[in-house]
N, C-alpha and C. Protein backbone atom coordinates (compact mmCIF):
# COMPACT_ATOMS: atom_id res chain seq x y z
N MET A 1 -72.31 -27.51 18.41
CA MET A 1 -70.87 -27.66 18.61
C MET A 1 -70.15 -27.30 17.32
N ARG A 2 -68.96 -26.77 17.49
CA ARG A 2 -68.13 -26.45 16.33
C ARG A 2 -67.07 -27.53 16.15
N PHE A 3 -66.78 -27.82 14.88
CA PHE A 3 -65.80 -28.84 14.53
C PHE A 3 -64.87 -28.31 13.45
N ALA A 4 -63.65 -28.82 13.46
CA ALA A 4 -62.70 -28.56 12.37
C ALA A 4 -62.50 -29.87 11.62
N PHE A 5 -62.54 -29.78 10.31
CA PHE A 5 -62.12 -30.89 9.46
C PHE A 5 -60.71 -30.54 9.01
N VAL A 6 -59.73 -31.29 9.45
CA VAL A 6 -58.35 -31.06 9.04
C VAL A 6 -58.12 -31.90 7.79
N ILE A 7 -57.78 -31.25 6.69
CA ILE A 7 -57.60 -31.93 5.41
C ILE A 7 -56.17 -32.44 5.33
N ILE A 8 -56.03 -33.74 5.17
CA ILE A 8 -54.71 -34.37 5.12
C ILE A 8 -54.50 -34.93 3.72
N GLU A 9 -53.49 -34.41 3.05
CA GLU A 9 -53.17 -34.86 1.70
C GLU A 9 -52.05 -35.89 1.76
N ASN A 10 -51.97 -36.69 0.72
CA ASN A 10 -50.87 -37.65 0.59
C ASN A 10 -50.44 -37.68 -0.87
N GLU A 11 -49.47 -38.49 -1.18
CA GLU A 11 -48.94 -38.55 -2.54
C GLU A 11 -50.04 -38.83 -3.55
N ARG A 12 -50.93 -39.77 -3.24
CA ARG A 12 -52.00 -40.14 -4.16
C ARG A 12 -52.97 -38.98 -4.40
N SER A 13 -53.36 -38.30 -3.33
CA SER A 13 -54.31 -37.19 -3.51
C SER A 13 -53.67 -36.03 -4.26
N ARG A 14 -52.39 -35.74 -3.99
CA ARG A 14 -51.71 -34.67 -4.72
C ARG A 14 -51.61 -35.01 -6.20
N LYS A 15 -51.37 -36.28 -6.51
CA LYS A 15 -51.27 -36.71 -7.91
C LYS A 15 -52.61 -36.54 -8.62
N SER A 16 -53.71 -36.89 -7.96
CA SER A 16 -55.02 -36.77 -8.59
C SER A 16 -55.37 -35.31 -8.85
N VAL A 17 -54.92 -34.40 -7.98
CA VAL A 17 -55.17 -32.97 -8.20
C VAL A 17 -54.41 -32.49 -9.42
N VAL A 18 -53.18 -32.90 -9.58
CA VAL A 18 -52.37 -32.50 -10.74
C VAL A 18 -53.02 -33.00 -12.02
N GLU A 19 -53.55 -34.22 -11.99
CA GLU A 19 -54.14 -34.81 -13.19
C GLU A 19 -55.42 -34.10 -13.61
N ASP A 20 -56.23 -33.63 -12.68
CA ASP A 20 -57.47 -32.95 -13.04
C ASP A 20 -57.83 -31.88 -12.02
N ARG A 21 -57.04 -30.82 -12.04
CA ARG A 21 -57.21 -29.72 -11.07
C ARG A 21 -58.60 -29.09 -11.16
N ALA A 22 -59.11 -28.90 -12.38
CA ALA A 22 -60.41 -28.25 -12.54
C ALA A 22 -61.53 -29.07 -11.89
N ALA A 23 -61.53 -30.37 -12.10
CA ALA A 23 -62.56 -31.23 -11.51
C ALA A 23 -62.44 -31.24 -9.99
N HIS A 24 -61.21 -31.26 -9.48
CA HIS A 24 -60.96 -31.24 -8.04
C HIS A 24 -61.55 -29.97 -7.42
N ARG A 25 -61.22 -28.83 -8.00
CA ARG A 25 -61.70 -27.56 -7.48
C ARG A 25 -63.22 -27.45 -7.59
N ARG A 26 -63.76 -27.89 -8.71
CA ARG A 26 -65.20 -27.83 -8.92
C ARG A 26 -65.94 -28.63 -7.84
N GLY A 27 -65.45 -29.84 -7.55
CA GLY A 27 -66.08 -30.66 -6.52
C GLY A 27 -66.06 -29.99 -5.16
N ILE A 28 -64.94 -29.40 -4.81
CA ILE A 28 -64.83 -28.73 -3.51
C ILE A 28 -65.70 -27.47 -3.47
N GLU A 29 -65.69 -26.68 -4.55
CA GLU A 29 -66.52 -25.47 -4.59
C GLU A 29 -68.00 -25.82 -4.46
N GLU A 30 -68.44 -26.88 -5.13
CA GLU A 30 -69.84 -27.30 -5.02
C GLU A 30 -70.16 -27.75 -3.60
N TRP A 31 -69.24 -28.49 -2.97
CA TRP A 31 -69.45 -28.94 -1.60
C TRP A 31 -69.56 -27.74 -0.67
N MET A 32 -68.67 -26.75 -0.83
CA MET A 32 -68.68 -25.56 0.03
C MET A 32 -69.98 -24.78 -0.14
N LYS A 33 -70.45 -24.62 -1.39
CA LYS A 33 -71.71 -23.90 -1.63
C LYS A 33 -72.88 -24.62 -0.97
N ARG A 34 -72.93 -25.94 -1.10
CA ARG A 34 -74.01 -26.72 -0.50
C ARG A 34 -73.94 -26.62 1.04
N ALA A 35 -72.73 -26.71 1.59
CA ALA A 35 -72.56 -26.63 3.05
C ALA A 35 -72.99 -25.26 3.56
N ALA A 36 -72.68 -24.20 2.82
CA ALA A 36 -73.09 -22.85 3.21
C ALA A 36 -74.61 -22.72 3.12
N ALA A 37 -75.20 -23.23 2.04
CA ALA A 37 -76.65 -23.15 1.86
C ALA A 37 -77.39 -23.93 2.94
N GLU A 38 -76.83 -25.04 3.38
CA GLU A 38 -77.46 -25.85 4.42
C GLU A 38 -77.18 -25.32 5.83
N GLY A 39 -76.32 -24.30 5.93
CA GLY A 39 -76.14 -23.59 7.18
C GLY A 39 -75.11 -24.13 8.16
N TYR A 40 -74.34 -25.13 7.77
CA TYR A 40 -73.37 -25.66 8.74
C TYR A 40 -71.93 -25.22 8.48
N LEU A 41 -71.66 -24.60 7.35
CA LEU A 41 -70.30 -24.15 7.05
C LEU A 41 -70.01 -22.84 7.77
N LEU A 42 -68.93 -22.81 8.55
CA LEU A 42 -68.49 -21.59 9.23
C LEU A 42 -67.32 -20.94 8.51
N GLY A 43 -66.53 -21.72 7.79
CA GLY A 43 -65.38 -21.18 7.08
C GLY A 43 -64.42 -22.28 6.71
N GLY A 44 -63.30 -21.87 6.15
CA GLY A 44 -62.27 -22.83 5.78
C GLY A 44 -61.33 -22.23 4.76
N GLU A 45 -60.16 -22.80 4.68
CA GLU A 45 -59.14 -22.34 3.75
C GLU A 45 -58.26 -23.51 3.34
N ALA A 46 -57.71 -23.41 2.15
CA ALA A 46 -56.68 -24.36 1.71
C ALA A 46 -55.33 -23.74 2.02
N PHE A 47 -54.36 -24.57 2.37
CA PHE A 47 -53.00 -24.08 2.59
C PHE A 47 -52.28 -23.99 1.26
N GLU A 48 -51.30 -23.12 1.18
CA GLU A 48 -50.46 -23.05 -0.01
C GLU A 48 -49.78 -24.39 -0.22
N THR A 49 -49.35 -24.62 -1.44
CA THR A 49 -48.68 -25.88 -1.73
C THR A 49 -47.39 -25.99 -0.95
N GLU A 50 -46.94 -27.22 -0.76
CA GLU A 50 -45.73 -27.43 0.03
C GLU A 50 -44.48 -26.91 -0.67
N SER A 51 -44.60 -26.49 -1.94
CA SER A 51 -43.44 -25.90 -2.61
C SER A 51 -43.08 -24.56 -1.97
N ILE A 52 -44.04 -23.94 -1.29
CA ILE A 52 -43.76 -22.75 -0.49
C ILE A 52 -43.49 -23.30 0.91
N ALA A 53 -42.22 -23.36 1.27
CA ALA A 53 -41.77 -24.11 2.44
C ALA A 53 -42.49 -23.69 3.72
N PRO A 54 -43.18 -24.64 4.36
CA PRO A 54 -43.75 -24.34 5.67
C PRO A 54 -42.65 -24.28 6.72
N VAL A 55 -42.94 -23.65 7.81
CA VAL A 55 -42.00 -23.56 8.92
C VAL A 55 -42.65 -24.24 10.12
N THR A 56 -41.90 -25.08 10.80
CA THR A 56 -42.37 -25.75 12.00
C THR A 56 -41.64 -25.17 13.20
N ILE A 57 -42.40 -24.77 14.21
CA ILE A 57 -41.81 -24.24 15.44
C ILE A 57 -42.25 -25.17 16.57
N ARG A 58 -41.30 -25.69 17.30
CA ARG A 58 -41.60 -26.56 18.44
C ARG A 58 -40.71 -26.15 19.60
N ARG A 59 -41.03 -26.62 20.77
CA ARG A 59 -40.23 -26.34 21.96
C ARG A 59 -39.37 -27.55 22.27
N ASP A 60 -38.10 -27.32 22.51
CA ASP A 60 -37.22 -28.43 22.89
C ASP A 60 -37.37 -28.69 24.40
N ALA A 61 -36.57 -29.58 24.94
CA ALA A 61 -36.67 -29.95 26.36
C ALA A 61 -36.47 -28.76 27.29
N ASP A 62 -35.70 -27.76 26.85
CA ASP A 62 -35.46 -26.57 27.66
C ASP A 62 -36.51 -25.49 27.42
N LEU A 63 -37.53 -25.81 26.64
CA LEU A 63 -38.61 -24.90 26.27
C LEU A 63 -38.16 -23.77 25.35
N ALA A 64 -37.00 -23.92 24.77
CA ALA A 64 -36.55 -22.93 23.79
C ALA A 64 -37.20 -23.25 22.44
N PRO A 65 -37.66 -22.23 21.71
CA PRO A 65 -38.27 -22.51 20.42
C PRO A 65 -37.23 -22.99 19.41
N VAL A 66 -37.59 -24.03 18.67
CA VAL A 66 -36.73 -24.57 17.62
C VAL A 66 -37.49 -24.40 16.31
N VAL A 67 -36.89 -23.73 15.34
CA VAL A 67 -37.53 -23.46 14.06
C VAL A 67 -36.88 -24.31 12.99
N THR A 68 -37.70 -25.05 12.24
CA THR A 68 -37.20 -25.84 11.12
C THR A 68 -38.05 -25.53 9.90
N GLU A 69 -37.46 -25.66 8.73
CA GLU A 69 -38.21 -25.46 7.50
C GLU A 69 -38.72 -26.78 7.00
N GLY A 70 -39.94 -26.76 6.48
CA GLY A 70 -40.52 -27.96 5.88
C GLY A 70 -41.45 -28.67 6.83
N PRO A 71 -42.30 -29.55 6.27
CA PRO A 71 -43.21 -30.32 7.10
C PRO A 71 -42.46 -31.41 7.85
N PHE A 72 -43.17 -32.16 8.66
CA PHE A 72 -42.55 -33.25 9.41
C PHE A 72 -41.86 -34.21 8.46
N ALA A 73 -40.64 -34.57 8.77
CA ALA A 73 -39.87 -35.47 7.92
C ALA A 73 -40.39 -36.89 8.04
N GLY A 74 -40.20 -37.65 6.99
CA GLY A 74 -40.51 -39.07 7.03
C GLY A 74 -41.96 -39.43 6.76
N SER A 75 -42.77 -38.50 6.32
CA SER A 75 -44.16 -38.79 6.04
C SER A 75 -44.53 -38.20 4.69
N ASP A 76 -45.36 -38.92 3.94
CA ASP A 76 -45.81 -38.34 2.67
C ASP A 76 -47.10 -37.56 2.88
N GLU A 77 -47.60 -37.49 4.12
CA GLU A 77 -48.80 -36.74 4.41
C GLU A 77 -48.46 -35.29 4.76
N THR A 78 -49.29 -34.38 4.26
CA THR A 78 -49.15 -32.96 4.58
C THR A 78 -50.54 -32.40 4.86
N LEU A 79 -50.59 -31.28 5.54
CA LEU A 79 -51.85 -30.61 5.81
C LEU A 79 -52.25 -29.81 4.58
N GLY A 80 -53.46 -30.03 4.11
CA GLY A 80 -53.94 -29.35 2.91
C GLY A 80 -54.81 -28.15 3.21
N GLY A 81 -55.39 -28.10 4.41
CA GLY A 81 -56.27 -27.00 4.76
C GLY A 81 -57.20 -27.41 5.89
N TYR A 82 -58.25 -26.63 6.07
CA TYR A 82 -59.21 -26.92 7.13
C TYR A 82 -60.59 -26.39 6.74
N ILE A 83 -61.61 -27.00 7.31
CA ILE A 83 -62.99 -26.56 7.15
C ILE A 83 -63.55 -26.44 8.57
N LEU A 84 -64.30 -25.38 8.84
CA LEU A 84 -64.97 -25.20 10.13
C LEU A 84 -66.47 -25.37 9.92
N ILE A 85 -67.09 -26.21 10.75
CA ILE A 85 -68.53 -26.43 10.63
C ILE A 85 -69.20 -26.35 12.00
N GLU A 86 -70.51 -26.23 11.95
CA GLU A 86 -71.36 -26.30 13.14
C GLU A 86 -72.20 -27.56 12.99
N ALA A 87 -72.24 -28.40 14.03
CA ALA A 87 -73.03 -29.63 13.99
C ALA A 87 -73.57 -29.90 15.39
N ALA A 88 -74.62 -30.72 15.45
CA ALA A 88 -75.24 -31.05 16.74
C ALA A 88 -74.30 -31.86 17.62
N GLY A 89 -73.44 -32.65 17.03
CA GLY A 89 -72.51 -33.49 17.78
C GLY A 89 -71.58 -34.22 16.84
N MET A 90 -70.75 -35.09 17.39
CA MET A 90 -69.75 -35.80 16.60
C MET A 90 -70.39 -36.64 15.50
N GLN A 91 -71.49 -37.31 15.80
CA GLN A 91 -72.12 -38.16 14.79
C GLN A 91 -72.53 -37.36 13.56
N GLU A 92 -73.14 -36.20 13.76
CA GLU A 92 -73.53 -35.36 12.63
C GLU A 92 -72.30 -34.84 11.90
N ALA A 93 -71.27 -34.44 12.63
CA ALA A 93 -70.04 -33.96 12.00
C ALA A 93 -69.41 -35.03 11.12
N VAL A 94 -69.41 -36.27 11.59
CA VAL A 94 -68.86 -37.38 10.81
C VAL A 94 -69.68 -37.59 9.55
N GLU A 95 -71.01 -37.51 9.65
CA GLU A 95 -71.86 -37.67 8.46
C GLU A 95 -71.57 -36.57 7.44
N ILE A 96 -71.38 -35.36 7.90
CA ILE A 96 -71.04 -34.25 7.00
C ILE A 96 -69.68 -34.51 6.36
N ALA A 97 -68.71 -34.93 7.14
CA ALA A 97 -67.35 -35.19 6.63
C ALA A 97 -67.36 -36.29 5.57
N LYS A 98 -68.24 -37.27 5.72
CA LYS A 98 -68.30 -38.37 4.75
C LYS A 98 -68.70 -37.90 3.36
N SER A 99 -69.28 -36.71 3.25
CA SER A 99 -69.68 -36.19 1.94
C SER A 99 -68.57 -35.39 1.25
N TRP A 100 -67.41 -35.26 1.90
CA TRP A 100 -66.28 -34.51 1.32
C TRP A 100 -65.91 -35.14 -0.02
N PRO A 101 -65.78 -34.33 -1.10
CA PRO A 101 -65.63 -34.89 -2.44
C PRO A 101 -64.21 -35.20 -2.90
N ALA A 102 -63.20 -34.70 -2.23
CA ALA A 102 -61.84 -34.79 -2.76
C ALA A 102 -61.31 -36.22 -2.73
N THR A 103 -60.76 -36.65 -3.83
CA THR A 103 -60.26 -38.02 -3.99
C THR A 103 -58.94 -38.21 -3.26
N GLY A 104 -58.87 -39.25 -2.44
CA GLY A 104 -57.62 -39.63 -1.80
C GLY A 104 -57.25 -38.86 -0.55
N GLU A 105 -57.90 -37.73 -0.30
CA GLU A 105 -57.60 -36.98 0.91
C GLU A 105 -58.28 -37.63 2.11
N SER A 106 -57.74 -37.36 3.28
CA SER A 106 -58.38 -37.78 4.52
C SER A 106 -58.85 -36.53 5.25
N LEU A 107 -59.92 -36.67 5.99
CA LEU A 107 -60.37 -35.59 6.86
C LEU A 107 -60.29 -36.09 8.29
N GLU A 108 -59.64 -35.32 9.12
CA GLU A 108 -59.64 -35.61 10.55
C GLU A 108 -60.70 -34.71 11.18
N VAL A 109 -61.68 -35.29 11.84
CA VAL A 109 -62.77 -34.54 12.44
C VAL A 109 -62.42 -34.25 13.89
N ARG A 110 -62.32 -32.96 14.23
CA ARG A 110 -61.91 -32.56 15.58
C ARG A 110 -62.92 -31.59 16.18
N PRO A 111 -63.46 -31.90 17.37
CA PRO A 111 -64.31 -30.92 18.05
C PRO A 111 -63.43 -29.75 18.51
N LEU A 112 -63.98 -28.55 18.43
CA LEU A 112 -63.23 -27.37 18.88
C LEU A 112 -63.55 -27.09 20.34
N TRP A 113 -62.56 -26.65 21.04
CA TRP A 113 -62.71 -26.29 22.44
C TRP A 113 -63.61 -25.07 22.53
N GLU A 114 -64.63 -25.18 23.34
CA GLU A 114 -65.57 -24.07 23.53
C GLU A 114 -65.16 -23.28 24.76
N ALA A 115 -64.54 -22.14 24.55
CA ALA A 115 -64.13 -21.30 25.68
C ALA A 115 -65.36 -20.67 26.31
N SER A 116 -65.35 -20.57 27.63
CA SER A 116 -66.51 -19.98 28.32
C SER A 116 -66.31 -18.52 28.58
């Protein structure tokens, strides 16, 4: 099964990255290399910082697209990126996610829809 780890950043995790960016990147690079060597990493990317304004597109009640700049208001959480992995099932995916090295970030583990 394929899974996505959605990386969720918050004020605390962003602050820790600013304080020691090199250590943060090193930990993630080492994790990615190990995941690739062990054969479960399919891919992944970090999103640009929120200083480059994201755009949100949603449908209103009339199904017309509504475009707004910026992430969802009222939350200090933002999407930091994603990792794609292959695992036998949810339990294995969760065990892999528990090894994620980044301080203060959350990972949301989501199974991917398998189109036939």
